[in-house]
Amino acid sequence: MMRNNMKWNMNVKDITTIGICVAIAVVLGKLLAVLHRIMPFSRGVINAPFYSFLIALILYRVRKPGAMTLFALGYGIIMARISIFSTISIIIGGVLADIITLIFVKKYDSNVKIALCAPLYSVGGIIGTFFTVTFLVKSPLYSFEGPLALLISAITVYIAGLFGSFFAMKIFQKRLFINDKKIGSGI
């Protein structure tokens, strides 16, 4: 049996970091709404770099499983004022991202792993949206054109998210002066 070495317990600093990022995501969502009106790309492709940047910040600071799920819960609850279906999609996205990370990555012990895991939140959101509109909304206005469209969307969103997460790693290393040893030792 393979053991997972990631610590599950969140402290006040971890939850505060996630809470601040939820607040930033709410404000960011308002700003991104303007881009959605003027840019010809899908919302997922536009949002992915920005949300991957935020998720990378969370993972860089927290480095514990469940961080993406807690972010999704906080953000999803706030987005419930718009639609309960968006809340469901957001929460599914966070949970899926954490599950995939736990299965394949095991722990956030390098910046590359963090950068590769952060876009999974946006991919999970695409999958969550697919689930929500296919099984809960059932409206022709919101539909995916089959599994191939879902796969193409997920890959495109993941690639777009990689730009945001790798940019975040570059910024964090240069601007925050926080290295892996300090984070790992709890300082």
N, C-alpha and C. Protein backbone atom coordinates (compact mmCIF):
# COMPACT_ATOMS: atom_id res chain seq x y z
N MET A 1 0.84 -1.18 0.00
CA MET A 1 0.00 0.00 0.00
C MET A 1 0.88 1.24 0.00
N MET A 2 0.62 2.16 -0.94
CA MET A 2 1.40 3.37 -1.05
C MET A 2 0.85 4.42 -0.10
N ARG A 3 1.74 5.07 0.64
CA ARG A 3 1.32 6.10 1.59
C ARG A 3 1.45 7.48 0.97
N ASN A 4 0.55 8.32 1.31
CA ASN A 4 0.60 9.69 0.86
C ASN A 4 1.26 10.52 1.95
N ASN A 5 2.31 11.27 1.61
CA ASN A 5 3.07 12.03 2.58
C ASN A 5 2.57 13.45 2.78
N MET A 6 1.48 13.82 2.14
CA MET A 6 0.97 15.17 2.31
C MET A 6 0.20 15.29 3.62
N LYS A 7 0.44 16.39 4.34
CA LYS A 7 -0.27 16.66 5.58
C LYS A 7 -1.64 17.23 5.26
N TRP A 8 -2.64 16.79 5.99
CA TRP A 8 -4.02 17.20 5.72
C TRP A 8 -4.49 18.35 6.59
N ASN A 9 -3.83 18.61 7.69
CA ASN A 9 -4.34 19.60 8.63
C ASN A 9 -4.06 21.02 8.16
N MET A 10 -5.11 21.83 8.15
CA MET A 10 -5.00 23.23 7.76
C MET A 10 -4.91 24.08 9.03
N ASN A 11 -4.05 25.07 8.99
CA ASN A 11 -3.98 25.99 10.13
C ASN A 11 -4.60 27.32 9.72
N VAL A 12 -4.60 28.28 10.64
CA VAL A 12 -5.23 29.57 10.39
C VAL A 12 -4.57 30.28 9.22
N LYS A 13 -3.25 30.20 9.12
CA LYS A 13 -2.52 30.84 8.02
C LYS A 13 -2.96 30.26 6.67
N ASP A 14 -3.13 28.95 6.61
CA ASP A 14 -3.56 28.30 5.37
C ASP A 14 -4.97 28.75 4.97
N ILE A 15 -5.87 28.75 5.91
CA ILE A 15 -7.25 29.13 5.62
C ILE A 15 -7.34 30.62 5.27
N THR A 16 -6.51 31.44 5.92
CA THR A 16 -6.47 32.86 5.60
C THR A 16 -5.97 33.08 4.17
N THR A 17 -4.93 32.36 3.78
CA THR A 17 -4.42 32.45 2.42
C THR A 17 -5.50 32.08 1.42
N ILE A 18 -6.20 30.99 1.67
CA ILE A 18 -7.27 30.55 0.78
C ILE A 18 -8.40 31.59 0.75
N GLY A 19 -8.75 32.13 1.91
CA GLY A 19 -9.81 33.14 1.98
C GLY A 19 -9.47 34.40 1.21
N ILE A 20 -8.23 34.85 1.32
CA ILE A 20 -7.79 36.03 0.56
C ILE A 20 -7.87 35.75 -0.93
N CYS A 21 -7.47 34.56 -1.33
CA CYS A 21 -7.53 34.20 -2.76
C CYS A 21 -8.97 34.09 -3.24
N VAL A 22 -9.88 33.66 -2.39
CA VAL A 22 -11.31 33.64 -2.77
C VAL A 22 -11.78 35.07 -3.01
N ALA A 23 -11.41 35.99 -2.11
CA ALA A 23 -11.81 37.39 -2.28
C ALA A 23 -11.23 37.96 -3.58
N ILE A 24 -9.97 37.65 -3.86
CA ILE A 24 -9.35 38.11 -5.11
C ILE A 24 -10.09 37.52 -6.31
N ALA A 25 -10.48 36.25 -6.21
CA ALA A 25 -11.20 35.59 -7.31
C ALA A 25 -12.54 36.26 -7.58
N VAL A 26 -13.21 36.70 -6.54
CA VAL A 26 -14.50 37.38 -6.74
C VAL A 26 -14.29 38.69 -7.50
N VAL A 27 -13.30 39.46 -7.07
CA VAL A 27 -13.00 40.72 -7.76
C VAL A 27 -12.51 40.44 -9.18
N LEU A 28 -11.64 39.45 -9.31
CA LEU A 28 -11.11 39.07 -10.62
C LEU A 28 -12.23 38.64 -11.56
N GLY A 29 -13.21 37.93 -11.03
CA GLY A 29 -14.36 37.50 -11.85
C GLY A 29 -15.09 38.69 -12.45
N LYS A 30 -15.22 39.75 -11.69
CA LYS A 30 -15.88 40.97 -12.21
C LYS A 30 -15.05 41.58 -13.34
N LEU A 31 -13.73 41.61 -13.16
CA LEU A 31 -12.86 42.17 -14.20
C LEU A 31 -12.84 41.29 -15.45
N LEU A 32 -12.85 39.98 -15.24
CA LEU A 32 -12.83 39.06 -16.38
C LEU A 32 -14.13 39.12 -17.18
N ALA A 33 -15.21 39.52 -16.54
CA ALA A 33 -16.49 39.64 -17.24
C ALA A 33 -16.37 40.65 -18.39
N VAL A 34 -15.56 41.68 -18.19
CA VAL A 34 -15.33 42.66 -19.25
C VAL A 34 -14.59 42.00 -20.42
N LEU A 35 -13.58 41.19 -20.12
CA LEU A 35 -12.84 40.48 -21.18
C LEU A 35 -13.73 39.51 -21.94
N HIS A 36 -14.67 38.90 -21.24
CA HIS A 36 -15.57 37.94 -21.89
C HIS A 36 -16.40 38.61 -22.98
N ARG A 37 -16.67 39.88 -22.81
CA ARG A 37 -17.49 40.59 -23.78
C ARG A 37 -16.70 41.02 -25.02
N ILE A 38 -15.38 41.24 -24.85
CA ILE A 38 -14.62 41.77 -25.97
C ILE A 38 -13.69 40.76 -26.64
N MET A 39 -13.42 39.63 -25.97
CA MET A 39 -12.50 38.64 -26.55
C MET A 39 -13.28 37.48 -27.14
N PRO A 40 -12.82 36.96 -28.28
CA PRO A 40 -13.57 35.92 -28.98
C PRO A 40 -13.32 34.50 -28.46
N PHE A 41 -12.64 34.34 -27.33
CA PHE A 41 -12.35 33.00 -26.81
C PHE A 41 -13.40 32.58 -25.79
N SER A 42 -13.40 31.30 -25.49
CA SER A 42 -14.33 30.81 -24.48
C SER A 42 -13.92 31.33 -23.10
N ARG A 43 -14.85 31.35 -22.20
CA ARG A 43 -14.58 31.83 -20.85
C ARG A 43 -13.51 31.00 -20.16
N GLY A 44 -13.53 29.70 -20.38
CA GLY A 44 -12.55 28.82 -19.75
C GLY A 44 -11.13 29.16 -20.15
N VAL A 45 -10.92 29.47 -21.42
CA VAL A 45 -9.58 29.80 -21.91
C VAL A 45 -9.13 31.15 -21.35
N ILE A 46 -10.05 32.10 -21.24
CA ILE A 46 -9.71 33.41 -20.69
C ILE A 46 -9.45 33.30 -19.19
N ASN A 47 -10.28 32.56 -18.48
CA ASN A 47 -10.17 32.46 -17.03
C ASN A 47 -9.00 31.62 -16.56
N ALA A 48 -8.65 30.60 -17.30
CA ALA A 48 -7.66 29.62 -16.84
C ALA A 48 -6.34 30.21 -16.38
N PRO A 49 -5.70 31.11 -17.14
CA PRO A 49 -4.42 31.64 -16.65
C PRO A 49 -4.54 32.41 -15.34
N PHE A 50 -5.62 33.16 -15.20
CA PHE A 50 -5.80 33.96 -14.00
C PHE A 50 -6.09 33.09 -12.77
N TYR A 51 -7.00 32.14 -12.93
CA TYR A 51 -7.32 31.27 -11.80
C TYR A 51 -6.18 30.31 -11.50
N SER A 52 -5.44 29.88 -12.51
CA SER A 52 -4.27 29.04 -12.26
C SER A 52 -3.21 29.80 -11.49
N PHE A 53 -3.08 31.08 -11.77
CA PHE A 53 -2.16 31.92 -11.01
C PHE A 53 -2.56 31.93 -9.53
N LEU A 54 -3.85 32.13 -9.26
CA LEU A 54 -4.33 32.14 -7.87
C LEU A 54 -4.16 30.78 -7.20
N ILE A 55 -4.51 29.72 -7.90
CA ILE A 55 -4.37 28.38 -7.33
C ILE A 55 -2.90 28.07 -7.08
N ALA A 56 -2.02 28.49 -7.98
CA ALA A 56 -0.58 28.29 -7.78
C ALA A 56 -0.12 29.02 -6.52
N LEU A 57 -0.64 30.21 -6.29
CA LEU A 57 -0.30 30.94 -5.07
C LEU A 57 -0.74 30.16 -3.83
N ILE A 58 -1.95 29.64 -3.88
CA ILE A 58 -2.45 28.85 -2.75
C ILE A 58 -1.57 27.62 -2.53
N LEU A 59 -1.31 26.88 -3.59
CA LEU A 59 -0.51 25.65 -3.45
C LEU A 59 0.92 25.96 -3.02
N TYR A 60 1.46 27.07 -3.48
CA TYR A 60 2.82 27.47 -3.12
C TYR A 60 2.91 27.79 -1.63
N ARG A 61 1.88 28.43 -1.11
CA ARG A 61 1.88 28.82 0.30
C ARG A 61 1.38 27.70 1.23
N VAL A 62 0.37 26.96 0.80
CA VAL A 62 -0.27 25.98 1.69
C VAL A 62 0.36 24.61 1.57
N ARG A 63 0.52 24.10 0.37
CA ARG A 63 1.14 22.79 0.09
C ARG A 63 0.47 21.63 0.82
N LYS A 64 -0.84 21.66 0.88
CA LYS A 64 -1.59 20.59 1.53
C LYS A 64 -2.76 20.17 0.65
N PRO A 65 -3.11 18.88 0.71
CA PRO A 65 -4.28 18.44 -0.06
C PRO A 65 -5.54 19.08 0.50
N GLY A 66 -6.48 19.28 -0.36
CA GLY A 66 -7.74 19.89 0.05
C GLY A 66 -7.76 21.40 -0.15
N ALA A 67 -6.61 21.99 -0.48
CA ALA A 67 -6.55 23.44 -0.65
C ALA A 67 -7.43 23.90 -1.81
N MET A 68 -7.40 23.16 -2.92
CA MET A 68 -8.23 23.55 -4.06
C MET A 68 -9.70 23.33 -3.76
N THR A 69 -10.01 22.30 -2.99
CA THR A 69 -11.40 22.06 -2.61
C THR A 69 -11.91 23.16 -1.69
N LEU A 70 -11.09 23.58 -0.72
CA LEU A 70 -11.51 24.68 0.16
C LEU A 70 -11.70 25.98 -0.61
N PHE A 71 -10.79 26.24 -1.55
CA PHE A 71 -10.95 27.42 -2.40
C PHE A 71 -12.27 27.32 -3.17
N ALA A 72 -12.53 26.17 -3.76
CA ALA A 72 -13.75 25.97 -4.55
C ALA A 72 -14.99 26.11 -3.68
N LEU A 73 -14.95 25.61 -2.46
CA LEU A 73 -16.10 25.74 -1.56
C LEU A 73 -16.38 27.21 -1.25
N GLY A 74 -15.32 27.95 -0.90
CA GLY A 74 -15.49 29.37 -0.60
C GLY A 74 -15.99 30.16 -1.80
N TYR A 75 -15.35 29.95 -2.92
CA TYR A 75 -15.72 30.66 -4.14
C TYR A 75 -17.11 30.23 -4.62
N GLY A 76 -17.38 28.94 -4.53
CA GLY A 76 -18.69 28.42 -4.94
C GLY A 76 -19.83 28.98 -4.11
N ILE A 77 -19.61 29.09 -2.82
CA ILE A 77 -20.66 29.63 -1.95
C ILE A 77 -20.95 31.09 -2.31
N ILE A 78 -19.92 31.85 -2.58
CA ILE A 78 -20.12 33.25 -2.97
C ILE A 78 -20.82 33.33 -4.32
N MET A 79 -20.50 32.43 -5.24
CA MET A 79 -21.10 32.45 -6.57
C MET A 79 -22.53 31.92 -6.57
N ALA A 80 -22.99 31.39 -5.46
CA ALA A 80 -24.37 30.87 -5.38
C ALA A 80 -25.38 31.98 -5.62
N ARG A 81 -25.00 33.22 -5.39
CA ARG A 81 -25.93 34.33 -5.64
C ARG A 81 -26.23 34.47 -7.13
N ILE A 82 -25.33 33.98 -7.97
CA ILE A 82 -25.55 34.02 -9.42
C ILE A 82 -26.35 32.79 -9.86
N SER A 83 -25.86 31.61 -9.44
CA SER A 83 -26.54 30.38 -9.83
C SER A 83 -26.05 29.22 -8.98
N ILE A 84 -26.95 28.41 -8.53
CA ILE A 84 -26.57 27.21 -7.78
C ILE A 84 -25.83 26.24 -8.69
N PHE A 85 -26.11 26.30 -9.99
CA PHE A 85 -25.42 25.43 -10.93
C PHE A 85 -23.95 25.81 -11.09
N SER A 86 -23.66 27.11 -11.05
CA SER A 86 -22.25 27.52 -11.09
C SER A 86 -21.55 27.09 -9.81
N THR A 87 -22.24 27.14 -8.69
CA THR A 87 -21.66 26.67 -7.43
C THR A 87 -21.31 25.19 -7.52
N ILE A 88 -22.20 24.40 -8.05
CA ILE A 88 -21.96 22.96 -8.19
C ILE A 88 -20.76 22.72 -9.10
N SER A 89 -20.71 23.43 -10.22
CA SER A 89 -19.58 23.27 -11.16
C SER A 89 -18.25 23.65 -10.51
N ILE A 90 -18.24 24.74 -9.78
CA ILE A 90 -17.01 25.21 -9.11
C ILE A 90 -16.54 24.19 -8.09
N ILE A 91 -17.45 23.69 -7.28
CA ILE A 91 -17.07 22.74 -6.24
C ILE A 91 -16.60 21.42 -6.85
N ILE A 92 -17.29 20.94 -7.88
CA ILE A 92 -16.83 19.73 -8.58
C ILE A 92 -15.41 19.94 -9.10
N GLY A 93 -15.15 21.12 -9.66
CA GLY A 93 -13.81 21.42 -10.19
C GLY A 93 -12.73 21.33 -9.13
N GLY A 94 -12.97 21.90 -7.96
CA GLY A 94 -11.98 21.85 -6.89
C GLY A 94 -11.75 20.45 -6.36
N VAL A 95 -12.83 19.72 -6.18
CA VAL A 95 -12.72 18.34 -5.68
C VAL A 95 -11.97 17.46 -6.69
N LEU A 96 -12.34 17.56 -7.97
CA LEU A 96 -11.66 16.77 -9.00
C LEU A 96 -10.17 17.10 -9.06
N ALA A 97 -9.84 18.38 -8.98
CA ALA A 97 -8.43 18.79 -9.03
C ALA A 97 -7.65 18.18 -7.87
N ASP A 98 -8.23 18.21 -6.68
CA ASP A 98 -7.54 17.61 -5.52
C ASP A 98 -7.42 16.10 -5.66
N ILE A 99 -8.45 15.44 -6.15
CA ILE A 99 -8.39 13.98 -6.32
C ILE A 99 -7.32 13.60 -7.33
N ILE A 100 -7.29 14.29 -8.47
CA ILE A 100 -6.28 14.00 -9.49
C ILE A 100 -4.88 14.23 -8.93
N THR A 101 -4.72 15.31 -8.20
CA THR A 101 -3.42 15.62 -7.60
C THR A 101 -3.00 14.53 -6.61
N LEU A 102 -3.91 14.11 -5.77
CA LEU A 102 -3.58 13.08 -4.78
C LEU A 102 -3.21 11.75 -5.44
N ILE A 103 -3.88 11.43 -6.53
CA ILE A 103 -3.60 10.17 -7.21
C ILE A 103 -2.26 10.20 -7.93
N PHE A 104 -1.97 11.28 -8.64
CA PHE A 104 -0.81 11.29 -9.52
C PHE A 104 0.42 12.01 -8.96
N VAL A 105 0.25 13.00 -8.14
CA VAL A 105 1.39 13.83 -7.71
C VAL A 105 1.89 13.46 -6.32
N LYS A 106 1.01 13.12 -5.43
CA LYS A 106 1.31 12.71 -4.07
C LYS A 106 1.65 13.88 -3.14
N LYS A 107 2.55 14.81 -3.52
CA LYS A 107 2.85 15.96 -2.67
C LYS A 107 3.41 17.10 -3.51
N TYR A 108 3.27 18.30 -2.97
CA TYR A 108 3.74 19.50 -3.65
C TYR A 108 5.16 19.82 -3.20
N ASP A 109 6.11 19.02 -3.64
CA ASP A 109 7.48 19.21 -3.16
C ASP A 109 8.36 19.95 -4.16
N SER A 110 7.79 20.43 -5.25
CA SER A 110 8.58 21.24 -6.19
C SER A 110 7.66 22.26 -6.85
N ASN A 111 8.27 23.33 -7.31
CA ASN A 111 7.51 24.37 -7.99
C ASN A 111 6.93 23.87 -9.31
N VAL A 112 7.63 22.96 -9.96
CA VAL A 112 7.12 22.40 -11.22
C VAL A 112 5.84 21.61 -10.96
N LYS A 113 5.81 20.82 -9.89
CA LYS A 113 4.59 20.07 -9.57
C LYS A 113 3.43 21.02 -9.28
N ILE A 114 3.72 22.09 -8.56
CA ILE A 114 2.67 23.07 -8.26
C ILE A 114 2.15 23.69 -9.56
N ALA A 115 3.08 24.08 -10.43
CA ALA A 115 2.69 24.71 -11.70
C ALA A 115 1.89 23.75 -12.58
N LEU A 116 2.22 22.46 -12.53
CA LEU A 116 1.48 21.48 -13.32
C LEU A 116 0.12 21.14 -12.71
N CYS A 117 -0.01 21.27 -11.40
CA CYS A 117 -1.27 20.93 -10.73
C CYS A 117 -2.28 22.08 -10.74
N ALA A 118 -1.81 23.32 -10.70
CA ALA A 118 -2.72 24.47 -10.60
C ALA A 118 -3.76 24.52 -11.72
N PRO A 119 -3.40 24.26 -12.98
CA PRO A 119 -4.43 24.31 -14.04
C PRO A 119 -5.49 23.22 -13.91
N LEU A 120 -5.25 22.21 -13.10
CA LEU A 120 -6.25 21.15 -12.92
C LEU A 120 -7.54 21.71 -12.32
N TYR A 121 -7.43 22.81 -11.58
CA TYR A 121 -8.63 23.43 -11.04
C TYR A 121 -9.55 23.90 -12.17
N SER A 122 -8.97 24.56 -13.17
CA SER A 122 -9.78 25.04 -14.30
C SER A 122 -10.31 23.88 -15.15
N VAL A 123 -9.49 22.85 -15.33
CA VAL A 123 -9.94 21.66 -16.06
C VAL A 123 -11.09 21.00 -15.30
N GLY A 124 -10.95 20.90 -13.99
CA GLY A 124 -12.03 20.36 -13.17
C GLY A 124 -13.30 21.18 -13.30
N GLY A 125 -13.14 22.50 -13.44
CA GLY A 125 -14.30 23.37 -13.65
C GLY A 125 -15.00 23.09 -14.97
N ILE A 126 -14.21 22.80 -16.01
CA ILE A 126 -14.80 22.45 -17.31
C ILE A 126 -15.58 21.13 -17.19
N ILE A 127 -14.99 20.16 -16.50
CA ILE A 127 -15.66 18.87 -16.31
C ILE A 127 -16.90 19.05 -15.44
N GLY A 128 -16.78 19.88 -14.40
CA GLY A 128 -17.93 20.16 -13.54
C GLY A 128 -19.05 20.84 -14.30
N THR A 129 -18.69 21.75 -15.18
CA THR A 129 -19.69 22.42 -16.02
C THR A 129 -20.36 21.43 -16.96
N PHE A 130 -19.56 20.55 -17.55
CA PHE A 130 -20.12 19.51 -18.41
C PHE A 130 -21.14 18.66 -17.64
N PHE A 131 -20.75 18.22 -16.45
CA PHE A 131 -21.65 17.41 -15.63
C PHE A 131 -22.93 18.20 -15.30
N THR A 132 -22.76 19.44 -14.88
CA THR A 132 -23.91 20.24 -14.46
C THR A 132 -24.88 20.50 -15.61
N VAL A 133 -24.36 20.90 -16.77
CA VAL A 133 -25.28 21.22 -17.87
C VAL A 133 -25.86 19.97 -18.52
N THR A 134 -25.14 18.86 -18.43
CA THR A 134 -25.64 17.63 -19.04
C THR A 134 -26.70 16.96 -18.17
N PHE A 135 -26.46 16.92 -16.86
CA PHE A 135 -27.34 16.15 -15.99
C PHE A 135 -28.28 16.98 -15.13
N LEU A 136 -27.98 18.24 -14.92
CA LEU A 136 -28.83 19.04 -14.03
C LEU A 136 -29.62 20.12 -14.76
N VAL A 137 -28.97 20.86 -15.66
CA VAL A 137 -29.66 21.97 -16.33
C VAL A 137 -30.54 21.46 -17.46
N LYS A 138 -30.01 20.60 -18.30
CA LYS A 138 -30.74 20.00 -19.42
C LYS A 138 -31.43 21.06 -20.29
N SER A 139 -30.67 22.06 -20.68
CA SER A 139 -31.19 23.10 -21.55
C SER A 139 -30.36 23.12 -22.84
N PRO A 140 -31.00 23.23 -23.98
CA PRO A 140 -30.24 23.28 -25.23
C PRO A 140 -29.36 24.53 -25.33
N LEU A 141 -29.66 25.55 -24.54
CA LEU A 141 -28.85 26.76 -24.53
C LEU A 141 -27.44 26.46 -24.02
N TYR A 142 -27.34 25.55 -23.05
CA TYR A 142 -26.04 25.17 -22.48
C TYR A 142 -25.80 23.70 -22.79
N SER A 143 -24.94 23.45 -23.74
CA SER A 143 -24.67 22.05 -24.05
C SER A 143 -23.26 21.89 -24.58
N PHE A 144 -22.69 20.74 -24.29
CA PHE A 144 -21.42 20.34 -24.85
C PHE A 144 -21.75 19.40 -26.00
N GLU A 145 -20.99 19.46 -27.04
CA GLU A 145 -21.25 18.62 -28.20
C GLU A 145 -20.48 17.30 -28.11
N GLY A 146 -20.64 16.60 -27.01
CA GLY A 146 -20.05 15.28 -26.86
C GLY A 146 -18.70 15.25 -26.18
N PRO A 147 -18.19 14.04 -25.99
CA PRO A 147 -16.93 13.85 -25.26
C PRO A 147 -15.72 14.48 -25.95
N LEU A 148 -15.73 14.53 -27.28
CA LEU A 148 -14.59 15.12 -27.99
C LEU A 148 -14.49 16.62 -27.68
N ALA A 149 -15.62 17.29 -27.66
CA ALA A 149 -15.63 18.72 -27.32
C ALA A 149 -15.14 18.93 -25.90
N LEU A 150 -15.55 18.05 -24.99
CA LEU A 150 -15.08 18.13 -23.60
C LEU A 150 -13.57 17.94 -23.53
N LEU A 151 -13.07 16.96 -24.24
CA LEU A 151 -11.63 16.69 -24.23
C LEU A 151 -10.84 17.87 -24.80
N ILE A 152 -11.29 18.40 -25.92
CA ILE A 152 -10.61 19.55 -26.53
C ILE A 152 -10.66 20.76 -25.59
N SER A 153 -11.80 20.99 -24.97
CA SER A 153 -11.93 22.10 -24.02
C SER A 153 -11.00 21.91 -22.84
N ALA A 154 -10.95 20.70 -22.30
CA ALA A 154 -10.11 20.43 -21.13
C ALA A 154 -8.63 20.63 -21.46
N ILE A 155 -8.20 20.15 -22.61
CA ILE A 155 -6.79 20.29 -23.01
C ILE A 155 -6.45 21.76 -23.24
N THR A 156 -7.33 22.48 -23.93
CA THR A 156 -7.10 23.90 -24.21
C THR A 156 -7.03 24.71 -22.92
N VAL A 157 -7.95 24.44 -22.01
CA VAL A 157 -7.97 25.15 -20.74
C VAL A 157 -6.73 24.81 -19.91
N TYR A 158 -6.31 23.55 -19.93
CA TYR A 158 -5.10 23.16 -19.18
C TYR A 158 -3.87 23.90 -19.72
N ILE A 159 -3.74 23.95 -21.03
CA ILE A 159 -2.59 24.64 -21.63
C ILE A 159 -2.63 26.14 -21.30
N ALA A 160 -3.80 26.75 -21.40
CA ALA A 160 -3.93 28.17 -21.04
C ALA A 160 -3.59 28.38 -19.57
N GLY A 161 -4.02 27.45 -18.73
CA GLY A 161 -3.73 27.55 -17.30
C GLY A 161 -2.26 27.41 -16.98
N LEU A 162 -1.55 26.62 -17.78
CA LEU A 162 -0.10 26.47 -17.56
C LEU A 162 0.63 27.80 -17.67
N PHE A 163 0.18 28.66 -18.58
CA PHE A 163 0.81 29.98 -18.70
C PHE A 163 0.70 30.74 -17.38
N GLY A 164 -0.49 30.73 -16.80
CA GLY A 164 -0.69 31.42 -15.53
C GLY A 164 0.09 30.81 -14.38
N SER A 165 0.12 29.50 -14.30
CA SER A 165 0.78 28.87 -13.16
C SER A 165 2.30 28.96 -13.25
N PHE A 166 2.87 28.80 -14.45
CA PHE A 166 4.32 28.94 -14.57
C PHE A 166 4.75 30.40 -14.40
N PHE A 167 3.91 31.33 -14.85
CA PHE A 167 4.19 32.75 -14.60
C PHE A 167 4.17 33.02 -13.09
N ALA A 168 3.22 32.42 -12.41
CA ALA A 168 3.15 32.58 -10.95
C ALA A 168 4.42 32.07 -10.27
N MET A 169 4.89 30.92 -10.68
CA MET A 169 6.12 30.38 -10.08
C MET A 169 7.30 31.32 -10.30
N LYS A 170 7.37 31.89 -11.48
CA LYS A 170 8.46 32.82 -11.78
C LYS A 170 8.36 34.06 -10.88
N ILE A 171 7.16 34.59 -10.75
CA ILE A 171 6.95 35.78 -9.91
C ILE A 171 7.23 35.46 -8.44
N PHE A 172 6.71 34.35 -7.95
CA PHE A 172 6.86 34.03 -6.54
C PHE A 172 8.31 33.86 -6.17
N GLN A 173 9.07 33.20 -7.01
CA GLN A 173 10.48 32.97 -6.70
C GLN A 173 11.26 34.28 -6.68
N LYS A 174 10.96 35.19 -7.58
CA LYS A 174 11.72 36.44 -7.67
C LYS A 174 11.21 37.51 -6.71
N ARG A 175 9.90 37.63 -6.56
CA ARG A 175 9.32 38.75 -5.83
C ARG A 175 9.04 38.46 -4.36
N LEU A 176 8.64 37.27 -4.05
CA LEU A 176 8.26 36.97 -2.67
C LEU A 176 9.43 36.49 -1.82
N PHE A 177 10.52 36.13 -2.46
CA PHE A 177 11.72 35.65 -1.77
C PHE A 177 11.40 34.51 -0.80
N ILE A 178 10.52 33.66 -1.23
CA ILE A 178 10.15 32.51 -0.42
C ILE A 178 10.65 31.27 -1.15
N ASN A 179 11.46 30.49 -0.47
CA ASN A 179 11.92 29.27 -1.14
C ASN A 179 11.24 28.04 -0.52
N ASP A 180 11.40 26.91 -1.16
CA ASP A 180 10.73 25.69 -0.73
C ASP A 180 11.11 25.29 0.68
N LYS A 181 12.33 25.50 1.09
CA LYS A 181 12.77 25.07 2.43
C LYS A 181 12.07 25.87 3.51
N LYS A 182 11.90 27.17 3.31
CA LYS A 182 11.20 27.98 4.30
C LYS A 182 9.74 27.57 4.41
N ILE A 183 9.10 27.36 3.29
CA ILE A 183 7.68 26.96 3.29
C ILE A 183 7.54 25.60 3.95
N GLY A 184 8.39 24.67 3.58
CA GLY A 184 8.30 23.32 4.11
C GLY A 184 8.57 23.24 5.60
N SER A 185 9.36 24.15 6.13
CA SER A 185 9.68 24.08 7.56
C SER A 185 8.66 24.83 8.41
N GLY A 186 7.68 25.46 7.77
CA GLY A 186 6.62 26.11 8.52
C GLY A 186 6.93 27.55 8.87
N ILE A 187 7.99 28.10 8.34
CA ILE A 187 8.36 29.50 8.64
C ILE A 187 7.56 30.43 7.77
